[in-house]
Amino acid sequence: MPAIVGVVQVISIGSSGVFHIGDVFSICPVSTAKTFAGAGSFITGDGISVYNEKSLTYTIDDEAVDQGINFNL
């Protein structure tokens, strides 16, 4: 349904963000990321204790090509 939109000020949009005003059939933002993290890296909360004496995070990627995003529309 069409609408009347007043003044819009956009400060910033991230690299995988979408800014849209008006009618649309489909919005498909696509992005990829590869994250390496050690033990306890993504734990959140109060009073969390992680005991890990020998921790290694291997960041060597032997693959020539990762999974593509070509057909994710």
PDB file of N, CA and C in Angstrom:
ATOM      1  N   MET A   1       0.842  -1.165   0.000  1.00  0.00           N
ATOM      2  CA  MET A   1       0.000   0.000   0.000  1.00  0.00           C
ATOM      3  C   MET A   1       0.894   1.236   0.000  1.00  0.00           C
ATOM      4  N   PRO A   2       0.686   2.135  -0.922  1.00  0.00           N
ATOM      5  CA  PRO A   2       1.497   3.356  -0.988  1.00  0.00           C
ATOM      6  C   PRO A   2       1.307   4.219   0.251  1.00  0.00           C
ATOM      7  N   ALA A   3       2.354   4.943   0.605  1.00  0.00           N
ATOM      8  CA  ALA A   3       2.309   5.820   1.770  1.00  0.00           C
ATOM      9  C   ALA A   3       3.048   7.105   1.461  1.00  0.00           C
ATOM     10  N   ILE A   4       2.718   8.142   2.189  1.00  0.00           N
ATOM     11  CA  ILE A   4       3.424   9.412   2.076  1.00  0.00           C
ATOM     12  C   ILE A   4       4.474   9.437   3.175  1.00  0.00           C
ATOM     13  N   VAL A   5       5.723   9.605   2.770  1.00  0.00           N
ATOM     14  CA  VAL A   5       6.828   9.588   3.715  1.00  0.00           C
ATOM     15  C   VAL A   5       7.406  10.988   3.803  1.00  0.00           C
ATOM     16  N   GLY A   6       7.631  11.424   5.031  1.00  0.00           N
ATOM     17  CA  GLY A   6       8.210  12.744   5.240  1.00  0.00           C
ATOM     18  C   GLY A   6       9.718  12.723   5.088  1.00  0.00           C
ATOM     19  N   VAL A   7      10.379  13.599   5.791  1.00  0.00           N
ATOM     20  CA  VAL A   7      11.822  13.718   5.723  1.00  0.00           C
ATOM     21  C   VAL A   7      12.474  12.480   6.342  1.00  0.00           C
ATOM     22  N   VAL A   8      13.499  11.949   5.664  1.00  0.00           N
ATOM     23  CA  VAL A   8      14.236  10.791   6.148  1.00  0.00           C
ATOM     24  C   VAL A   8      15.714  11.151   6.170  1.00  0.00           C
ATOM     25  N   GLN A   9      16.365  10.888   7.294  1.00  0.00           N
ATOM     26  CA  GLN A   9      17.796  11.128   7.406  1.00  0.00           C
ATOM     27  C   GLN A   9      18.466   9.796   7.735  1.00  0.00           C
ATOM     28  N   VAL A  10      19.379   9.369   6.870  1.00  0.00           N
ATOM     29  CA  VAL A  10      20.109   8.132   7.075  1.00  0.00           C
ATOM     30  C   VAL A  10      21.529   8.495   7.494  1.00  0.00           C
ATOM     31  N   ILE A  11      21.906   8.072   8.691  1.00  0.00           N
ATOM     32  CA  ILE A  11      23.244   8.378   9.192  1.00  0.00           C
ATOM     33  C   ILE A  11      24.255   7.394   8.613  1.00  0.00           C
ATOM     34  N   SER A  12      23.971   6.102   8.699  1.00  0.00           N
ATOM     35  CA  SER A  12      24.866   5.107   8.121  1.00  0.00           C
ATOM     36  C   SER A  12      24.109   3.795   7.926  1.00  0.00           C
ATOM     37  N   ILE A  13      24.592   3.027   6.979  1.00  0.00           N
ATOM     38  CA  ILE A  13      24.059   1.694   6.717  1.00  0.00           C
ATOM     39  C   ILE A  13      25.261   0.765   6.610  1.00  0.00           C
ATOM     40  N   GLY A  14      25.179  -0.368   7.288  1.00  0.00           N
ATOM     41  CA  GLY A  14      26.277  -1.327   7.257  1.00  0.00           C
ATOM     42  C   GLY A  14      26.432  -1.958   5.887  1.00  0.00           C
ATOM     43  N   SER A  15      27.495  -2.725   5.730  1.00  0.00           N
ATOM     44  CA  SER A  15      27.792  -3.313   4.421  1.00  0.00           C
ATOM     45  C   SER A  15      26.765  -4.345   3.989  1.00  0.00           C
ATOM     46  N   SER A  16      26.053  -4.966   4.925  1.00  0.00           N
ATOM     47  CA  SER A  16      25.036  -5.937   4.537  1.00  0.00           C
ATOM     48  C   SER A  16      23.646  -5.465   4.932  1.00  0.00           C
ATOM     49  N   GLY A  17      23.476  -4.175   5.145  1.00  0.00           N
ATOM     50  CA  GLY A  17      22.190  -3.626   5.551  1.00  0.00           C
ATOM     51  C   GLY A  17      21.310  -3.283   4.362  1.00  0.00           C
ATOM     52  N   VAL A  18      20.036  -3.046   4.665  1.00  0.00           N
ATOM     53  CA  VAL A  18      19.060  -2.691   3.635  1.00  0.00           C
ATOM     54  C   VAL A  18      18.289  -1.467   4.108  1.00  0.00           C
ATOM     55  N   PHE A  19      18.182  -0.458   3.262  1.00  0.00           N
ATOM     56  CA  PHE A  19      17.347   0.713   3.530  1.00  0.00           C
ATOM     57  C   PHE A  19      16.256   0.734   2.486  1.00  0.00           C
ATOM     58  N   HIS A  20      15.002   0.750   2.936  1.00  0.00           N
ATOM     59  CA  HIS A  20      13.899   0.617   1.984  1.00  0.00           C
ATOM     60  C   HIS A  20      12.765   1.547   2.375  1.00  0.00           C
ATOM     61  N   ILE A  21      12.244   2.275   1.404  1.00  0.00           N
ATOM     62  CA  ILE A  21      11.020   3.056   1.568  1.00  0.00           C
ATOM     63  C   ILE A  21      10.163   2.777   0.347  1.00  0.00           C
ATOM     64  N   GLY A  22       8.935   2.357   0.571  1.00  0.00           N
ATOM     65  CA  GLY A  22       8.022   2.110  -0.548  1.00  0.00           C
ATOM     66  C   GLY A  22       7.653   0.648  -0.672  1.00  0.00           C
ATOM     67  N   ASP A  23       6.977   0.328  -1.775  1.00  0.00           N
ATOM     68  CA  ASP A  23       6.530  -1.040  -2.009  1.00  0.00           C
ATOM     69  C   ASP A  23       7.691  -1.914  -2.450  1.00  0.00           C
ATOM     70  N   VAL A  24       7.628  -3.177  -2.075  1.00  0.00           N
ATOM     71  CA  VAL A  24       8.685  -4.113  -2.430  1.00  0.00           C
ATOM     72  C   VAL A  24       8.099  -5.512  -2.498  1.00  0.00           C
ATOM     73  N   PHE A  25       8.634  -6.320  -3.384  1.00  0.00           N
ATOM     74  CA  PHE A  25       8.229  -7.720  -3.471  1.00  0.00           C
ATOM     75  C   PHE A  25       9.112  -8.593  -2.608  1.00  0.00           C
ATOM     76  N   SER A  26      10.415  -8.366  -2.678  1.00  0.00           N
ATOM     77  CA  SER A  26      11.345  -9.212  -1.933  1.00  0.00           C
ATOM     78  C   SER A  26      12.616  -8.429  -1.626  1.00  0.00           C
ATOM     79  N   ILE A  27      13.092  -8.546  -0.382  1.00  0.00           N
ATOM     80  CA  ILE A  27      14.367  -7.969   0.017  1.00  0.00           C
ATOM     81  C   ILE A  27      15.244  -9.117   0.499  1.00  0.00           C
ATOM     82  N   CYS A  28      16.393  -9.286  -0.124  1.00  0.00           N
ATOM     83  CA  CYS A  28      17.275 -10.410   0.199  1.00  0.00           C
ATOM     84  C   CYS A  28      18.708  -9.931   0.412  1.00  0.00           C
ATOM     85  N   PRO A  29      19.020  -9.389   1.579  1.00  0.00           N
ATOM     86  CA  PRO A  29      20.421  -9.039   1.820  1.00  0.00           C
ATOM     87  C   PRO A  29      21.253 -10.310   1.982  1.00  0.00           C
ATOM     88  N   VAL A  30      22.424 -10.331   1.383  1.00  0.00           N
ATOM     89  CA  VAL A  30      23.268 -11.520   1.412  1.00  0.00           C
ATOM     90  C   VAL A  30      24.674 -11.104   1.834  1.00  0.00           C
ATOM     91  N   SER A  31      25.230 -11.827   2.796  1.00  0.00           N
ATOM     92  CA  SER A  31      26.602 -11.587   3.198  1.00  0.00           C
ATOM     93  C   SER A  31      27.173 -12.879   3.763  1.00  0.00           C
ATOM     94  N   THR A  32      28.486 -12.942   3.820  1.00  0.00           N
ATOM     95  CA  THR A  32      29.152 -14.103   4.395  1.00  0.00           C
ATOM     96  C   THR A  32      30.210 -13.642   5.379  1.00  0.00           C
ATOM     97  N   ALA A  33      30.561 -14.533   6.283  1.00  0.00           N
ATOM     98  CA  ALA A  33      31.611 -14.240   7.251  1.00  0.00           C
ATOM     99  C   ALA A  33      32.221 -15.547   7.723  1.00  0.00           C
ATOM    100  N   LYS A  34      33.481 -15.513   8.049  1.00  0.00           N
ATOM    101  CA  LYS A  34      34.160 -16.662   8.623  1.00  0.00           C
ATOM    102  C   LYS A  34      34.762 -16.203   9.946  1.00  0.00           C
ATOM    103  N   THR A  35      34.397 -16.875  11.021  1.00  0.00           N
ATOM    104  CA  THR A  35      34.797 -16.448  12.350  1.00  0.00           C
ATOM    105  C   THR A  35      35.623 -17.533  13.027  1.00  0.00           C
ATOM    106  N   PHE A  36      36.751 -17.156  13.559  1.00  0.00           N
ATOM    107  CA  PHE A  36      37.585 -18.048  14.347  1.00  0.00           C
ATOM    108  C   PHE A  36      37.590 -17.530  15.779  1.00  0.00           C
ATOM    109  N   ALA A  37      37.324 -18.409  16.735  1.00  0.00           N
ATOM    110  CA  ALA A  37      37.312 -17.987  18.130  1.00  0.00           C
ATOM    111  C   ALA A  37      37.729 -19.150  19.022  1.00  0.00           C
ATOM    112  N   GLY A  38      38.355 -18.835  20.121  1.00  0.00           N
ATOM    113  CA  GLY A  38      38.814 -19.857  21.051  1.00  0.00           C
ATOM    114  C   GLY A  38      37.742 -20.252  22.047  1.00  0.00           C
ATOM    115  N   ALA A  39      38.118 -21.086  22.981  1.00  0.00           N
ATOM    116  CA  ALA A  39      37.190 -21.592  23.983  1.00  0.00           C
ATOM    117  C   ALA A  39      36.644 -20.457  24.836  1.00  0.00           C
ATOM    118  N   GLY A  40      35.341 -20.409  25.005  1.00  0.00           N
ATOM    119  CA  GLY A  40      34.706 -19.399  25.843  1.00  0.00           C
ATOM    120  C   GLY A  40      34.577 -18.036  25.210  1.00  0.00           C
ATOM    121  N   SER A  41      34.801 -17.901  23.922  1.00  0.00           N
ATOM    122  CA  SER A  41      34.786 -16.582  23.291  1.00  0.00           C
ATOM    123  C   SER A  41      33.396 -15.966  23.202  1.00  0.00           C
ATOM    124  N   PHE A  42      32.375 -16.762  22.983  1.00  0.00           N
ATOM    125  CA  PHE A  42      31.035 -16.211  22.776  1.00  0.00           C
ATOM    126  C   PHE A  42      30.114 -16.452  23.964  1.00  0.00           C
ATOM    127  N   ILE A  43      30.669 -16.740  25.124  1.00  0.00           N
ATOM    128  CA  ILE A  43      29.868 -16.954  26.320  1.00  0.00           C
ATOM    129  C   ILE A  43      29.496 -15.592  26.894  1.00  0.00           C
ATOM    130  N   THR A  44      28.214 -15.402  27.184  1.00  0.00           N
ATOM    131  CA  THR A  44      27.756 -14.152  27.776  1.00  0.00           C
ATOM    132  C   THR A  44      27.003 -14.462  29.065  1.00  0.00           C
ATOM    133  N   GLY A  45      26.928 -13.507  29.939  1.00  0.00           N
ATOM    134  CA  GLY A  45      26.194 -13.688  31.182  1.00  0.00           C
ATOM    135  C   GLY A  45      27.024 -13.246  32.366  1.00  0.00           C
ATOM    136  N   ASP A  46      26.434 -13.368  33.538  1.00  0.00           N
ATOM    137  CA  ASP A  46      27.100 -12.972  34.777  1.00  0.00           C
ATOM    138  C   ASP A  46      27.651 -14.208  35.477  1.00  0.00           C
ATOM    139  N   GLY A  47      28.863 -14.120  35.981  1.00  0.00           N
ATOM    140  CA  GLY A  47      29.441 -15.190  36.772  1.00  0.00           C
ATOM    141  C   GLY A  47      29.841 -16.416  35.973  1.00  0.00           C
ATOM    142  N   ILE A  48      30.252 -16.262  34.746  1.00  0.00           N
ATOM    143  CA  ILE A  48      30.664 -17.385  33.906  1.00  0.00           C
ATOM    144  C   ILE A  48      32.149 -17.655  34.139  1.00  0.00           C
ATOM    145  N   SER A  49      32.502 -18.915  34.320  1.00  0.00           N
ATOM    146  CA  SER A  49      33.902 -19.302  34.466  1.00  0.00           C
ATOM    147  C   SER A  49      34.230 -20.365  33.426  1.00  0.00           C
ATOM    148  N   VAL A  50      35.308 -20.152  32.708  1.00  0.00           N
ATOM    149  CA  VAL A  50      35.752 -21.115  31.703  1.00  0.00           C
ATOM    150  C   VAL A  50      37.152 -21.559  32.093  1.00  0.00           C
ATOM    151  N   TYR A  51      37.334 -22.852  32.283  1.00  0.00           N
ATOM    152  CA  TYR A  51      38.640 -23.410  32.621  1.00  0.00           C
ATOM    153  C   TYR A  51      39.095 -24.265  31.450  1.00  0.00           C
ATOM    154  N   ASN A  52      40.060 -23.782  30.736  1.00  0.00           N
ATOM    155  CA  ASN A  52      40.572 -24.495  29.575  1.00  0.00           C
ATOM    156  C   ASN A  52      42.090 -24.314  29.579  1.00  0.00           C
ATOM    157  N   GLU A  53      42.796 -25.341  29.988  1.00  0.00           N
ATOM    158  CA  GLU A  53      44.237 -25.210  30.159  1.00  0.00           C
ATOM    159  C   GLU A  53      44.991 -25.147  28.835  1.00  0.00           C
ATOM    160  N   LYS A  54      44.634 -25.985  27.895  1.00  0.00           N
ATOM    161  CA  LYS A  54      45.345 -26.039  26.619  1.00  0.00           C
ATOM    162  C   LYS A  54      44.349 -25.777  25.496  1.00  0.00           C
ATOM    163  N   SER A  55      44.318 -24.555  25.023  1.00  0.00           N
ATOM    164  CA  SER A  55      43.364 -24.168  23.994  1.00  0.00           C
ATOM    165  C   SER A  55      44.115 -23.658  22.768  1.00  0.00           C
ATOM    166  N   LEU A  56      43.789 -24.200  21.629  1.00  0.00           N
ATOM    167  CA  LEU A  56      44.335 -23.736  20.358  1.00  0.00           C
ATOM    168  C   LEU A  56      43.192 -23.480  19.394  1.00  0.00           C
ATOM    169  N   THR A  57      43.277 -22.404  18.657  1.00  0.00           N
ATOM    170  CA  THR A  57      42.306 -22.112  17.611  1.00  0.00           C
ATOM    171  C   THR A  57      43.057 -22.099  16.289  1.00  0.00           C
ATOM    172  N   TYR A  58      42.789 -23.092  15.468  1.00  0.00           N
ATOM    173  CA  TYR A  58      43.469 -23.204  14.185  1.00  0.00           C
ATOM    174  C   TYR A  58      42.774 -22.309  13.167  1.00  0.00           C
ATOM    175  N   THR A  59      43.513 -21.366  12.617  1.00  0.00           N
ATOM    176  CA  THR A  59      42.940 -20.449  11.634  1.00  0.00           C
ATOM    177  C   THR A  59      43.442 -20.737  10.224  1.00  0.00           C
ATOM    178  N   ILE A  60      44.078 -21.868  10.040  1.00  0.00           N
ATOM    179  CA  ILE A  60      44.549 -22.249   8.707  1.00  0.00           C
ATOM    180  C   ILE A  60      43.380 -22.862   7.944  1.00  0.00           C
ATOM    181  N   ASP A  61      43.086 -22.315   6.781  1.00  0.00           N
ATOM    182  CA  ASP A  61      41.970 -22.786   5.972  1.00  0.00           C
ATOM    183  C   ASP A  61      42.542 -23.370   4.689  1.00  0.00           C
ATOM    184  N   ASP A  62      42.566 -24.689   4.595  1.00  0.00           N
ATOM    185  CA  ASP A  62      43.143 -25.357   3.427  1.00  0.00           C
ATOM    186  C   ASP A  62      42.212 -25.404   2.224  1.00  0.00           C
ATOM    187  N   GLU A  63      40.943 -25.049   2.409  1.00  0.00           N
ATOM    188  CA  GLU A  63      40.000 -25.103   1.294  1.00  0.00           C
ATOM    189  C   GLU A  63      40.277 -23.959   0.314  1.00  0.00           C
ATOM    190  N   ALA A  64      40.215 -24.260  -0.950  1.00  0.00           N
ATOM    191  CA  ALA A  64      40.418 -23.211  -1.960  1.00  0.00           C
ATOM    192  C   ALA A  64      39.167 -22.361  -2.113  1.00  0.00           C
ATOM    193  N   VAL A  65      37.989 -22.986  -2.009  1.00  0.00           N
ATOM    194  CA  VAL A  65      36.724 -22.271  -2.184  1.00  0.00           C
ATOM    195  C   VAL A  65      35.771 -22.696  -1.081  1.00  0.00           C
ATOM    196  N   ASP A  66      35.138 -21.726  -0.442  1.00  0.00           N
ATOM    197  CA  ASP A  66      34.114 -22.027   0.543  1.00  0.00           C
ATOM    198  C   ASP A  66      32.751 -22.063  -0.137  1.00  0.00           C
ATOM    199  N   GLN A  67      31.702 -22.356   0.649  1.00  0.00           N
ATOM    200  CA  GLN A  67      30.359 -22.411   0.085  1.00  0.00           C
ATOM    201  C   GLN A  67      29.969 -21.042  -0.451  1.00  0.00           C
ATOM    202  N   GLY A  68      29.462 -21.007  -1.668  1.00  0.00           N
ATOM    203  CA  GLY A  68      29.092 -19.748  -2.286  1.00  0.00           C
ATOM    204  C   GLY A  68      27.733 -19.250  -1.863  1.00  0.00           C
ATOM    205  N   ILE A  69      27.437 -17.978  -2.214  1.00  0.00           N
ATOM    206  CA  ILE A  69      26.152 -17.389  -1.919  1.00  0.00           C
ATOM    207  C   ILE A  69      25.420 -17.002  -3.200  1.00  0.00           C
ATOM    208  N   ASN A  70      25.785 -17.616  -4.305  1.00  0.00           N
ATOM    209  CA  ASN A  70      25.253 -17.233  -5.603  1.00  0.00           C
ATOM    210  C   ASN A  70      23.748 -17.472  -5.736  1.00  0.00           C
ATOM    211  N   PHE A  71      23.237 -18.556  -5.156  1.00  0.00           N
ATOM    212  CA  PHE A  71      21.835 -18.907  -5.377  1.00  0.00           C
ATOM    213  C   PHE A  71      20.986 -18.676  -4.131  1.00  0.00           C
ATOM    214  N   ASN A  72      21.405 -17.794  -3.237  1.00  0.00           N
ATOM    215  CA  ASN A  72      20.643 -17.508  -2.010  1.00  0.00           C
ATOM    216  C   ASN A  72      19.737 -16.306  -2.194  1.00  0.00           C
ATOM    217  N   LEU A  73      19.038 -16.217  -3.257  1.00  0.00           N
ATOM    218  CA  LEU A  73      18.147 -15.077  -3.483  1.00  0.00           C
ATOM    219  C   LEU A  73      16.726 -15.426  -3.234  1.00  0.00           C
TER     220      LEU A  73
END
